């Protein structure tokens, strides 16, 4: 399995760096180009003028688009704009399915994503890894299409398909050309596997072995994966963020088919799903196709999610691992707020200033100037609930891990005290550029909408970053940094070369 890169997709920043190697994000990537022909009823190609008219629609325009669909019961819930150039809207079907549409007329292509509000945090103690295992099973057969037919059909259309599971969500995505009946075909297959998936013992056991091998590769036999697993166990003694998305081996081996069937019923329901379509689309036609395929699906009684909250951390937590490596590796993490916290934007700017590139403070100081480390990086988790601000550092040979931890701690505190307006402006410009570039790409844009809608019920958070960064005062950024990087709140994992 291959990770989907989100690097430069704002707010999902560096999720790829947390991929299989860190056992926190797992994706199912299939890039497809084989050509085969299948008979499905064709739809007319939408003209370019229609795309342009829809690109920055207001509420009245979207309401007009709904008029031909008045008998479907679809409702318009929200319309949001960005820079008076583009707009996106959220609709709701009577069964609870949410639909987010945004037109991008730049090219006759579109991305179609289905997000489910279920990730590893929705699992239970002793039953970990279900969300990710289910991602695999969703590519198997349904009552209408045998195993392999989905792949063959996508191949015939030159489609790029991906799927990903993380702590808060799972999503499935396709990108392809907007011509003939491509959109209708995607809508059909996605609605079908939401409700008609075949779960049998043979398929389940076969895919379980694939996942177990993936676990061996990405965690058990991976230095980074095993360190990350230990870090999250340590940092989240109660909360369900504590276990890896891929699950524990003991739990995987004990998984039963009946458990998976209940999981499917509980979470793969229209009232727990979000469909996001971005690209060369026309609103009325897209909504009609979605209603015809999804409108008859019955909502389910969703299993309530009640997070186990961790008590405030009052002292340093440390774990020491012995690994077959030649150089010591260190992970350090501080508790961080959820992504919708007012403090999160300040930490984004600090993360960019501290860790983004060779000119960033920590790399320049520890790697280039003092030469006490060969590498240092940072990662701020974009979680729906309180997460972590992580630092990974590789000390130079002969540098004691206690010394490098103390040095890193001191440099972080010093940087937060002395950060300049010029550094903040540079970080803000870098983040703004990445955000604006993401709006040029249908898949990146759909990912942002789906992520924020799944985690917070508000896709428009994707439009608000620039204003949030601009509103931050220098002294406030410094204060947030000093509050976050308190010495007694450190979580440390050290991997040392094993003694032979």
Protein backbone atom coordinates (compact mmCIF):
# COMPACT_ATOMS: atom_id res chain seq x y z
CA UNK A 1 0.00 0.00 0.00
CA UNK A 2 1.16 3.49 -0.79
CA UNK A 3 0.63 6.72 1.10
CA UNK A 4 -1.24 9.61 -0.44
CA UNK A 5 0.88 12.75 -0.26
CA UNK A 6 -0.83 15.72 1.37
CA UNK A 7 2.33 17.81 1.65
CA UNK A 8 1.28 21.33 0.46
CA UNK A 9 -2.40 20.64 1.10
CA UNK A 10 -2.96 23.09 3.91
CA UNK A 11 -4.25 21.80 7.25
CA UNK A 12 -3.66 18.26 6.08
CA UNK A 13 0.02 19.29 6.08
CA UNK A 14 2.46 16.41 6.23
CA UNK A 15 -0.15 13.74 6.86
CA UNK A 16 1.87 11.75 4.35
CA UNK A 17 4.87 12.00 6.66
CA UNK A 18 2.71 10.19 9.19
CA UNK A 19 1.96 7.44 6.72
CA UNK A 20 2.83 3.77 6.96
CA UNK A 21 6.23 4.58 8.42
CA UNK A 22 4.59 6.24 11.42
CA UNK A 23 1.56 3.93 11.58
CA UNK A 24 -0.88 6.78 12.00
CA UNK A 25 -2.19 7.18 8.49
CA UNK A 26 -2.80 4.36 6.05
CA UNK A 27 -4.00 4.72 2.50
CA UNK A 28 -5.07 2.42 -0.30
CA UNK A 29 -3.60 3.82 -3.50
CA UNK A 30 -4.35 2.55 -6.96
CA UNK A 31 -3.30 4.49 -10.05
CA UNK A 32 -5.19 3.16 -13.02
CA UNK A 33 -4.80 3.62 -16.76
CA UNK A 34 -5.85 0.38 -18.56
CA UNK A 35 -8.56 0.86 -21.20
CA UNK A 36 -11.61 -1.42 -21.38
CA UNK A 37 -15.13 -0.58 -22.63
CA UNK A 38 -18.35 -0.98 -20.59
CA UNK A 39 -21.89 -0.04 -21.63
CA UNK A 40 -23.54 2.54 -19.37
CA UNK A 41 -26.09 5.17 -20.45
CA UNK A 42 -24.33 8.34 -21.65
CA UNK A 43 -24.95 11.87 -20.42
CA UNK A 44 -24.28 15.06 -22.42
CA UNK A 45 -21.04 16.89 -21.79
CA UNK A 46 -21.58 20.13 -19.85
CA UNK A 47 -20.58 23.24 -21.77
CA UNK A 48 -17.76 25.53 -20.60
CA UNK A 49 -20.11 28.50 -20.23
CA UNK A 50 -22.14 26.62 -17.63
CA UNK A 51 -18.98 25.97 -15.61
CA UNK A 52 -18.05 29.65 -15.66
CA UNK A 53 -21.52 30.74 -14.53
CA UNK A 54 -21.43 28.33 -11.61
CA UNK A 55 -17.88 29.10 -10.48
CA UNK A 56 -18.86 31.81 -7.98
CA UNK A 57 -22.56 31.29 -7.48
CA UNK A 58 -24.40 32.92 -4.60
CA UNK A 59 -27.21 31.43 -2.53
CA UNK A 60 -29.91 32.42 -5.05
CA UNK A 61 -28.05 30.66 -7.86
CA UNK A 62 -27.84 27.41 -5.90
CA UNK A 63 -31.51 27.68 -4.96
CA UNK A 64 -32.38 28.07 -8.63
CA UNK A 65 -30.38 24.92 -9.38
CA UNK A 66 -32.55 23.05 -6.89
CA UNK A 67 -35.89 24.07 -8.44
CA UNK A 68 -35.99 21.22 -10.99
CA UNK A 69 -35.36 18.85 -8.05
CA UNK A 70 -38.10 20.18 -5.79
CA UNK A 71 -39.70 16.74 -5.37
CA UNK A 72 -36.46 15.09 -4.18
CA UNK A 73 -36.43 16.76 -0.76
CA UNK A 74 -32.83 17.94 -1.20
CA UNK A 75 -32.14 21.05 0.85
CA UNK A 76 -29.48 23.73 0.52
CA UNK A 77 -27.78 24.12 3.91
CA UNK A 78 -24.86 26.51 3.38
CA UNK A 79 -23.02 28.53 0.73
CA UNK A 80 -19.53 29.93 1.31
CA UNK A 81 -17.23 32.05 -0.86
CA UNK A 82 -13.49 32.56 -1.07
CA UNK A 83 -12.01 35.87 -2.27
CA UNK A 84 -15.13 36.55 -4.37
CA UNK A 85 -13.69 34.10 -6.93
CA UNK A 86 -15.08 30.69 -6.03
CA UNK A 87 -17.94 29.31 -4.02
CA UNK A 88 -18.97 25.95 -2.59
CA UNK A 89 -22.29 24.74 -1.22
CA UNK A 90 -23.48 22.00 1.11
CA UNK A 91 -26.73 20.16 0.45
CA UNK A 92 -28.53 17.50 2.45
CA UNK A 93 -30.64 14.55 1.34
CA UNK A 94 -33.59 13.43 3.44
CA UNK A 95 -31.63 10.37 4.65
CA UNK A 96 -28.93 12.60 6.15
CA UNK A 97 -26.32 12.34 3.38
CA UNK A 98 -24.35 15.59 3.02
CA UNK A 99 -23.22 16.73 -0.45
CA UNK A 100 -20.61 19.46 -1.04
CA UNK A 101 -20.20 20.87 -4.55
CA UNK A 102 -17.64 23.27 -5.99
CA UNK A 103 -17.22 24.05 -9.69
CA UNK A 104 -13.73 24.44 -11.11
CA UNK A 105 -13.85 25.15 -14.85
CA UNK A 106 -10.08 25.11 -15.40
CA UNK A 107 -10.18 21.70 -17.12
CA UNK A 108 -12.85 19.09 -17.96
CA UNK A 109 -11.99 16.84 -15.00
CA UNK A 110 -13.49 16.27 -11.54
CA UNK A 111 -12.76 14.62 -8.22
CA UNK A 112 -15.41 12.63 -6.39
CA UNK A 113 -14.85 11.78 -2.73
CA UNK A 114 -16.91 9.91 -0.15
CA UNK A 115 -16.04 10.63 3.47
CA UNK A 116 -17.24 8.59 6.43
CA UNK A 117 -17.06 9.98 9.93
CA UNK A 118 -15.27 6.94 11.28
CA UNK A 119 -11.60 6.46 12.08
CA UNK A 120 -9.51 4.52 14.54
CA UNK A 121 -10.76 6.62 17.47
CA UNK A 122 -14.23 5.11 16.99
CA UNK A 123 -12.91 1.62 17.71
CA UNK A 124 -12.91 -0.03 21.11
CA UNK A 125 -10.20 -1.49 23.31
CA UNK A 126 -9.46 -4.99 22.04
CA UNK A 127 -11.01 -4.29 18.62
CA UNK A 128 -8.50 -1.95 17.00
CA UNK A 129 -7.72 -1.76 13.28
CA UNK A 130 -11.32 -2.18 12.10
CA UNK A 131 -11.57 1.16 10.28
CA UNK A 132 -8.45 0.50 8.23
CA UNK A 133 -9.31 -3.16 7.59
CA UNK A 134 -12.69 -2.03 6.31
CA UNK A 135 -11.02 0.34 3.88
CA UNK A 136 -9.46 -2.75 2.26
CA UNK A 137 -12.74 -4.65 2.19
CA UNK A 138 -14.54 -1.80 0.43
CA UNK A 139 -12.60 -2.66 -2.73
CA UNK A 140 -14.10 -6.15 -2.80
CA UNK A 141 -17.39 -7.32 -4.30
CA UNK A 142 -20.97 -6.17 -3.75
CA UNK A 143 -24.31 -7.84 -4.43
CA UNK A 144 -24.37 -6.06 -7.79
CA UNK A 145 -20.70 -6.20 -8.80
CA UNK A 146 -18.32 -9.11 -8.14
CA UNK A 147 -14.81 -8.61 -6.79
CA UNK A 148 -12.60 -6.97 -9.41
CA UNK A 149 -15.34 -5.29 -11.42
CA UNK A 150 -14.85 -1.93 -9.69
CA UNK A 151 -11.14 -1.96 -10.56
CA UNK A 152 -11.76 -3.01 -14.15
CA UNK A 153 -14.38 -0.30 -14.65
CA UNK A 154 -12.15 2.39 -13.15
CA UNK A 155 -9.23 1.17 -15.28
CA UNK A 156 -11.36 1.43 -18.40
CA UNK A 157 -11.94 5.10 -17.71
CA UNK A 158 -8.35 6.06 -16.87
CA UNK A 159 -9.41 6.80 -13.33
CA UNK A 160 -7.10 7.52 -10.39
CA UNK A 161 -8.51 6.05 -7.17
CA UNK A 162 -7.33 6.32 -3.58
CA UNK A 163 -8.64 5.66 -0.11
CA UNK A 164 -7.32 6.66 3.28
CA UNK A 165 -8.00 5.98 6.94
CA UNK A 166 -6.78 8.00 9.90
CA UNK A 167 -7.81 8.70 13.47
CA UNK A 168 -10.96 10.75 12.75
CA UNK A 169 -12.18 9.68 9.32
CA UNK A 170 -12.05 7.37 6.30
CA UNK A 171 -12.46 8.51 2.71
CA UNK A 172 -12.52 7.16 -0.84
CA UNK A 173 -11.62 9.27 -3.87
CA UNK A 174 -11.67 9.13 -7.67
CA UNK A 175 -10.40 11.64 -10.21
CA UNK A 176 -11.21 11.38 -13.89
CA UNK A 177 -12.28 13.24 -17.02
CA UNK A 178 -15.72 14.84 -17.19
CA UNK A 179 -17.09 13.27 -20.32
CA UNK A 180 -19.58 10.61 -21.38
CA UNK A 181 -21.07 8.92 -18.29
CA UNK A 182 -18.02 9.05 -15.99
CA UNK A 183 -19.75 10.94 -13.20
CA UNK A 184 -22.82 8.71 -13.35
CA UNK A 185 -20.62 5.63 -13.19
CA UNK A 186 -18.73 6.83 -10.10
CA UNK A 187 -21.97 7.77 -8.32
CA UNK A 188 -23.37 4.31 -9.05
CA UNK A 189 -20.37 2.34 -7.80
CA UNK A 190 -19.86 4.46 -4.65
CA UNK A 191 -23.51 4.30 -3.60
CA UNK A 192 -23.53 0.56 -4.28
CA UNK A 193 -20.60 -0.27 -2.02
CA UNK A 194 -22.01 1.95 0.72
CA UNK A 195 -24.98 -0.38 1.08
CA UNK A 196 -24.40 -3.68 -0.76
CA UNK A 197 -20.91 -4.80 0.24
CA UNK A 198 -20.50 -8.58 0.51
CA UNK A 199 -18.75 -9.58 3.74
CA UNK A 200 -17.87 -13.27 3.81
CA UNK A 201 -15.33 -15.34 5.70
CA UNK A 202 -13.07 -16.07 2.73
CA UNK A 203 -12.71 -12.45 1.61
CA UNK A 204 -12.31 -11.20 5.15
CA UNK A 205 -9.57 -13.73 6.05
CA UNK A 206 -7.66 -13.06 2.84
CA UNK A 207 -7.62 -9.30 3.34
CA UNK A 208 -6.82 -9.69 7.04
CA UNK A 209 -3.55 -11.40 6.11
CA UNK A 210 -2.69 -8.44 3.86
CA UNK A 211 -3.27 -6.03 6.73
CA UNK A 212 -1.25 -8.15 9.17
CA UNK A 213 1.69 -8.10 6.78
CA UNK A 214 1.25 -4.36 6.42
CA UNK A 215 1.39 -4.06 10.20
CA UNK A 216 4.67 -6.01 10.26
CA UNK A 217 6.16 -3.75 7.60
CA UNK A 218 4.95 -0.39 8.89
CA UNK A 219 5.20 -0.88 12.66
CA UNK A 220 6.82 -4.03 13.98
CA UNK A 221 9.76 -3.94 11.56
CA UNK A 222 9.89 -0.15 11.26
CA UNK A 223 11.89 2.06 13.61
CA UNK A 224 9.72 5.10 12.91
CA UNK A 225 6.50 3.12 13.14
CA UNK A 226 7.34 1.47 16.46
CA UNK A 227 8.53 4.79 17.93
CA UNK A 228 5.34 6.55 16.84
CA UNK A 229 3.19 3.77 18.29
CA UNK A 230 4.97 4.08 21.65
CA UNK A 231 4.70 7.88 21.58
CA UNK A 232 0.92 7.82 21.13
CA UNK A 233 0.44 5.15 23.77
CA UNK A 234 2.39 7.35 26.14
CA UNK A 235 0.78 10.67 25.23
CA UNK A 236 -2.81 9.36 25.27
CA UNK A 237 -3.18 6.97 28.23
CA UNK A 238 -7.01 7.11 28.02
CA UNK A 239 -8.03 8.65 24.70
CA UNK A 240 -8.52 6.40 21.68
CA UNK A 241 -5.83 8.27 19.76
CA UNK A 242 -3.48 6.02 21.71
CA UNK A 243 -3.57 3.10 19.24
CA UNK A 244 -2.32 3.08 15.64
CA UNK A 245 -4.76 3.26 12.77
CA UNK A 246 -3.56 -0.09 11.50
CA UNK A 247 -4.42 -1.65 14.87
CA UNK A 248 -2.60 -4.04 17.19
CA UNK A 249 -1.60 -7.46 15.90
CA UNK A 250 -3.37 -9.31 18.73
CA UNK A 251 -6.60 -7.46 17.98
CA UNK A 252 -6.34 -8.13 14.24
CA UNK A 253 -5.85 -11.84 14.83
CA UNK A 254 -8.96 -11.96 17.05
CA UNK A 255 -11.19 -10.02 14.63
CA UNK A 256 -14.39 -11.85 13.71
CA UNK A 257 -16.67 -11.50 10.70
CA UNK A 258 -19.67 -10.63 12.87
CA UNK A 259 -17.75 -7.66 14.30
CA UNK A 260 -17.05 -6.35 10.80
CA UNK A 261 -20.67 -6.69 9.74
CA UNK A 262 -21.77 -4.67 12.75
CA UNK A 263 -19.09 -2.06 12.02
CA UNK A 264 -20.40 -1.72 8.45
CA UNK A 265 -23.96 -1.27 9.68
CA UNK A 266 -22.96 1.24 12.36
CA UNK A 267 -20.76 3.54 10.31
CA UNK A 268 -21.27 3.07 6.55
CA UNK A 269 -24.60 4.83 6.42
CA UNK A 270 -25.79 7.88 4.46
CA UNK A 271 -26.32 9.88 7.67
CA UNK A 272 -22.64 9.30 8.54
CA UNK A 273 -21.29 10.18 5.09
CA UNK A 274 -20.28 13.22 3.05
CA UNK A 275 -19.99 13.27 -0.74
CA UNK A 276 -17.69 15.96 -2.12
CA UNK A 277 -17.53 16.74 -5.84
CA UNK A 278 -15.10 19.37 -7.16
CA UNK A 279 -14.34 20.16 -10.79
CA UNK A 280 -16.15 20.47 -14.10
CA UNK A 281 -19.65 19.84 -12.78
CA UNK A 282 -23.15 21.27 -13.11
CA UNK A 283 -25.10 21.46 -9.87
CA UNK A 284 -28.55 20.26 -10.94
CA UNK A 285 -27.28 17.28 -12.89
CA UNK A 286 -24.84 16.24 -10.13
CA UNK A 287 -27.45 16.45 -7.40
CA UNK A 288 -29.97 14.53 -9.48
CA UNK A 289 -27.47 11.70 -10.09
CA UNK A 290 -26.61 11.53 -6.40
CA UNK A 291 -30.26 11.56 -5.33
CA UNK A 292 -31.16 8.74 -7.75
CA UNK A 293 -28.38 6.51 -6.40
CA UNK A 294 -28.30 7.46 -2.70
CA UNK A 295 -31.78 8.80 -1.99
CA UNK A 296 -33.33 5.38 -1.28
CA UNK A 297 -30.64 4.34 1.23
CA UNK A 298 -31.94 4.14 4.76
CA UNK A 299 -30.27 6.10 7.58
CA UNK A 300 -28.93 4.04 10.47
CA UNK A 301 -28.92 4.52 14.21
CA UNK A 302 -25.33 5.63 14.66
CA UNK A 303 -23.25 4.33 17.50
CA UNK A 304 -22.56 7.29 19.80
CA UNK A 305 -18.95 8.39 20.21
CA UNK A 306 -17.92 9.40 23.72
CA UNK A 307 -14.20 10.23 23.92
CA UNK A 308 -12.11 9.18 26.89
CA UNK A 309 -10.43 12.39 28.00
CA UNK A 310 -6.88 12.34 29.30
CA UNK A 311 -6.04 14.26 32.48
CA UNK A 312 -3.68 17.26 32.06
CA UNK A 313 -0.06 16.17 31.79
CA UNK A 314 1.95 17.30 34.83
CA UNK A 315 5.33 15.62 34.31
CA UNK A 316 7.67 14.36 31.59
CA UNK A 317 6.91 10.93 30.16
CA UNK A 318 9.74 8.93 28.60
CA UNK A 319 10.22 5.56 26.91
CA UNK A 320 13.50 3.96 25.83
CA UNK A 321 13.56 1.41 22.99
CA UNK A 322 16.44 -0.80 21.93
CA UNK A 323 16.54 -1.18 18.15
CA UNK A 324 18.90 -2.56 15.46
CA UNK A 325 20.04 0.88 14.34
CA UNK A 326 23.41 2.60 14.11
CA UNK A 327 22.31 6.05 15.29
CA UNK A 328 20.04 7.15 18.12
CA UNK A 329 16.65 8.60 17.12
CA UNK A 330 14.44 10.79 19.30
CA UNK A 331 10.76 11.77 19.19
CA UNK A 332 9.50 14.59 21.40
CA UNK A 333 5.87 15.70 21.54
CA UNK A 334 3.90 18.31 23.44
CA UNK A 335 0.11 18.31 23.88
CA UNK A 336 -1.51 20.50 21.20
CA UNK A 337 -5.04 21.83 20.73
CA UNK A 338 -7.58 20.48 18.20
CA UNK A 339 -7.51 21.98 14.74
CA UNK A 340 -10.53 24.21 15.32
CA UNK A 341 -8.95 25.86 18.37
CA UNK A 342 -8.09 29.58 18.07
CA UNK A 343 -4.56 28.63 19.21
CA UNK A 344 -4.01 26.20 16.34
CA UNK A 345 -3.35 28.88 13.70
CA UNK A 346 -0.59 30.38 15.84
CA UNK A 347 1.04 26.97 16.17
CA UNK A 348 0.88 26.53 12.39
CA UNK A 349 2.93 29.68 11.96
CA UNK A 350 5.37 28.54 14.65
CA UNK A 351 5.69 25.12 13.02
CA UNK A 352 6.57 26.74 9.73
CA UNK A 353 9.11 29.04 11.39
CA UNK A 354 10.69 26.29 13.47
CA UNK A 355 10.71 23.37 11.04
CA UNK A 356 9.89 24.21 7.42
CA UNK A 357 13.03 23.83 5.33
CA UNK A 358 16.73 24.33 5.88
CA UNK A 359 16.29 28.02 6.71
CA UNK A 360 13.92 27.18 9.58
CA UNK A 361 15.17 27.96 13.07
CA UNK A 362 15.71 24.44 14.40
CA UNK A 363 17.37 23.05 11.28
CA UNK A 364 19.62 26.07 10.92
CA UNK A 365 20.66 26.03 14.56
CA UNK A 366 20.96 22.31 15.34
CA UNK A 367 22.05 20.90 11.98
CA UNK A 368 23.93 23.68 10.16
CA UNK A 369 25.41 25.84 12.91
CA UNK A 370 25.91 23.65 15.99
CA UNK A 371 26.13 20.33 14.11
CA UNK A 372 24.63 18.36 16.98
CA UNK A 373 21.98 16.72 14.78
CA UNK A 374 21.86 15.34 11.25
CA UNK A 375 18.15 16.03 10.87
CA UNK A 376 15.23 17.65 12.70
CA UNK A 377 11.58 18.00 11.67
CA UNK A 378 8.23 18.97 13.16
CA UNK A 379 4.60 17.94 12.75
CA UNK A 380 1.42 19.51 14.14
CA UNK A 381 -1.46 17.01 14.12
CA UNK A 382 -4.64 18.23 12.34
CA UNK A 383 -6.97 16.29 14.67
CA UNK A 384 -10.61 16.87 15.58
CA UNK A 385 -9.62 16.61 19.24
CA UNK A 386 -6.52 17.61 21.17
CA UNK A 387 -3.43 16.15 19.51
CA UNK A 388 0.33 16.63 19.51
CA UNK A 389 3.06 18.94 18.32
CA UNK A 390 5.84 16.50 17.43
CA UNK A 391 9.55 16.89 16.80
CA UNK A 392 11.81 14.17 15.36
CA UNK A 393 15.55 14.56 15.73
CA UNK A 394 18.55 12.41 14.85
CA UNK A 395 21.61 13.29 17.00
CA UNK A 396 25.06 13.24 15.44
CA UNK A 397 27.25 10.29 16.50
CA UNK A 398 28.70 10.92 19.94
CA UNK A 399 25.91 13.31 21.00
CA UNK A 400 24.06 12.04 24.07
CA UNK A 401 20.28 11.84 23.73
CA UNK A 402 19.75 13.73 27.00
CA UNK A 403 21.91 16.57 25.71
CA UNK A 404 20.08 16.80 22.39
CA UNK A 405 16.70 16.82 24.14
CA UNK A 406 17.84 19.62 26.42
CA UNK A 407 19.27 21.52 23.45
CA UNK A 408 16.08 21.14 21.42
CA UNK A 409 13.96 22.24 24.36
CA UNK A 410 16.08 25.34 24.88
CA UNK A 411 16.05 26.26 21.17
CA UNK A 412 12.27 25.93 20.96
CA UNK A 413 11.74 28.17 23.98
CA UNK A 414 14.29 30.67 22.70
CA UNK A 415 12.66 30.76 19.27
CA UNK A 416 9.23 31.39 20.80
CA UNK A 417 10.61 34.27 22.84
CA UNK A 418 12.57 35.89 20.02
CA UNK A 419 10.50 35.21 16.91
CA UNK A 420 10.35 38.34 14.76
CA UNK A 421 7.59 39.89 12.70
CA UNK A 422 9.67 39.20 9.60
CA UNK A 423 9.74 35.47 10.41
CA UNK A 424 5.99 35.43 11.04
CA UNK A 425 5.34 37.20 7.73
CA UNK A 426 7.53 34.70 5.90
CA UNK A 427 5.68 31.78 7.48
CA UNK A 428 2.31 33.33 6.69
CA UNK A 429 3.28 33.90 3.05
CA UNK A 430 4.46 30.31 2.74
CA UNK A 431 1.24 28.91 4.16
CA UNK A 432 -0.93 31.24 2.07
CA UNK A 433 0.83 30.18 -1.13
CA UNK A 434 0.31 26.49 -0.36
CA UNK A 435 -3.36 27.13 0.39
CA UNK A 436 -3.96 29.07 -2.82
CA UNK A 437 -2.19 26.40 -4.86
CA UNK A 438 -4.40 23.74 -3.29
CA UNK A 439 -7.51 25.44 -4.69
CA UNK A 440 -6.13 24.87 -8.18
CA UNK A 441 -6.26 21.10 -7.69
CA UNK A 442 -9.64 19.38 -7.50
CA UNK A 443 -8.50 16.52 -5.31
CA UNK A 444 -6.69 18.77 -2.81
CA UNK A 445 -9.69 21.06 -2.59
CA UNK A 446 -12.10 18.16 -2.07
CA UNK A 447 -9.83 16.76 0.64
CA UNK A 448 -9.93 20.03 2.55
CA UNK A 449 -13.73 20.24 2.34
CA UNK A 450 -14.19 16.61 3.35
CA UNK A 451 -11.70 16.80 6.19
CA UNK A 452 -13.26 19.87 7.80
CA UNK A 453 -16.84 18.74 7.25
CA UNK A 454 -16.12 15.30 8.72
CA UNK A 455 -14.23 16.63 11.72
CA UNK A 456 -16.14 19.82 12.54
CA UNK A 457 -19.28 19.92 10.41
CA UNK A 458 -18.00 23.04 8.64
CA UNK A 459 -16.34 22.70 5.22
CA UNK A 460 -15.94 26.50 5.06
CA UNK A 461 -13.00 26.30 7.48
CA UNK A 462 -10.97 25.68 4.30
CA UNK A 463 -11.75 29.27 3.24
CA UNK A 464 -10.84 30.94 6.53
CA UNK A 465 -7.14 30.20 7.01
CA UNK A 466 -5.69 33.36 5.47
CA UNK A 467 -7.81 35.67 7.61
CA UNK A 468 -6.94 33.66 10.73
CA UNK A 469 -3.22 33.95 10.06
CA UNK A 470 -3.45 37.67 9.28
CA UNK A 471 -5.31 38.41 12.51
CA UNK A 472 -2.56 36.97 14.73
CA UNK A 473 -0.43 39.46 16.63
CA UNK A 474 3.25 38.72 17.21
CA UNK A 475 2.97 38.80 21.01
CA UNK A 476 0.00 36.44 20.92
CA UNK A 477 1.98 33.95 18.81
CA UNK A 478 4.82 34.11 21.32
CA UNK A 479 2.43 33.54 24.22
CA UNK A 480 0.87 30.48 22.56
CA UNK A 481 4.31 29.04 21.92
CA UNK A 482 5.39 29.50 25.55
CA UNK A 483 2.14 27.96 26.74
CA UNK A 484 2.49 24.93 24.46
CA UNK A 485 6.19 24.11 24.84
CA UNK A 486 6.39 23.72 28.60
CA UNK A 487 9.21 21.43 29.72
CA UNK A 488 7.09 19.30 32.04
CA UNK A 489 4.65 18.45 29.23
CA UNK A 490 7.14 16.61 27.06
CA UNK A 491 6.49 13.09 25.80
CA UNK A 492 9.78 11.48 24.77
CA UNK A 493 10.59 8.27 22.93
CA UNK A 494 14.23 7.35 22.37
CA UNK A 495 15.40 4.55 20.11
CA UNK A 496 19.00 3.52 20.86
CA UNK A 497 21.25 1.07 19.02
CA UNK A 498 20.86 -2.36 20.56
CA UNK A 499 23.91 -3.87 22.18
CA UNK A 500 25.18 -7.02 20.49
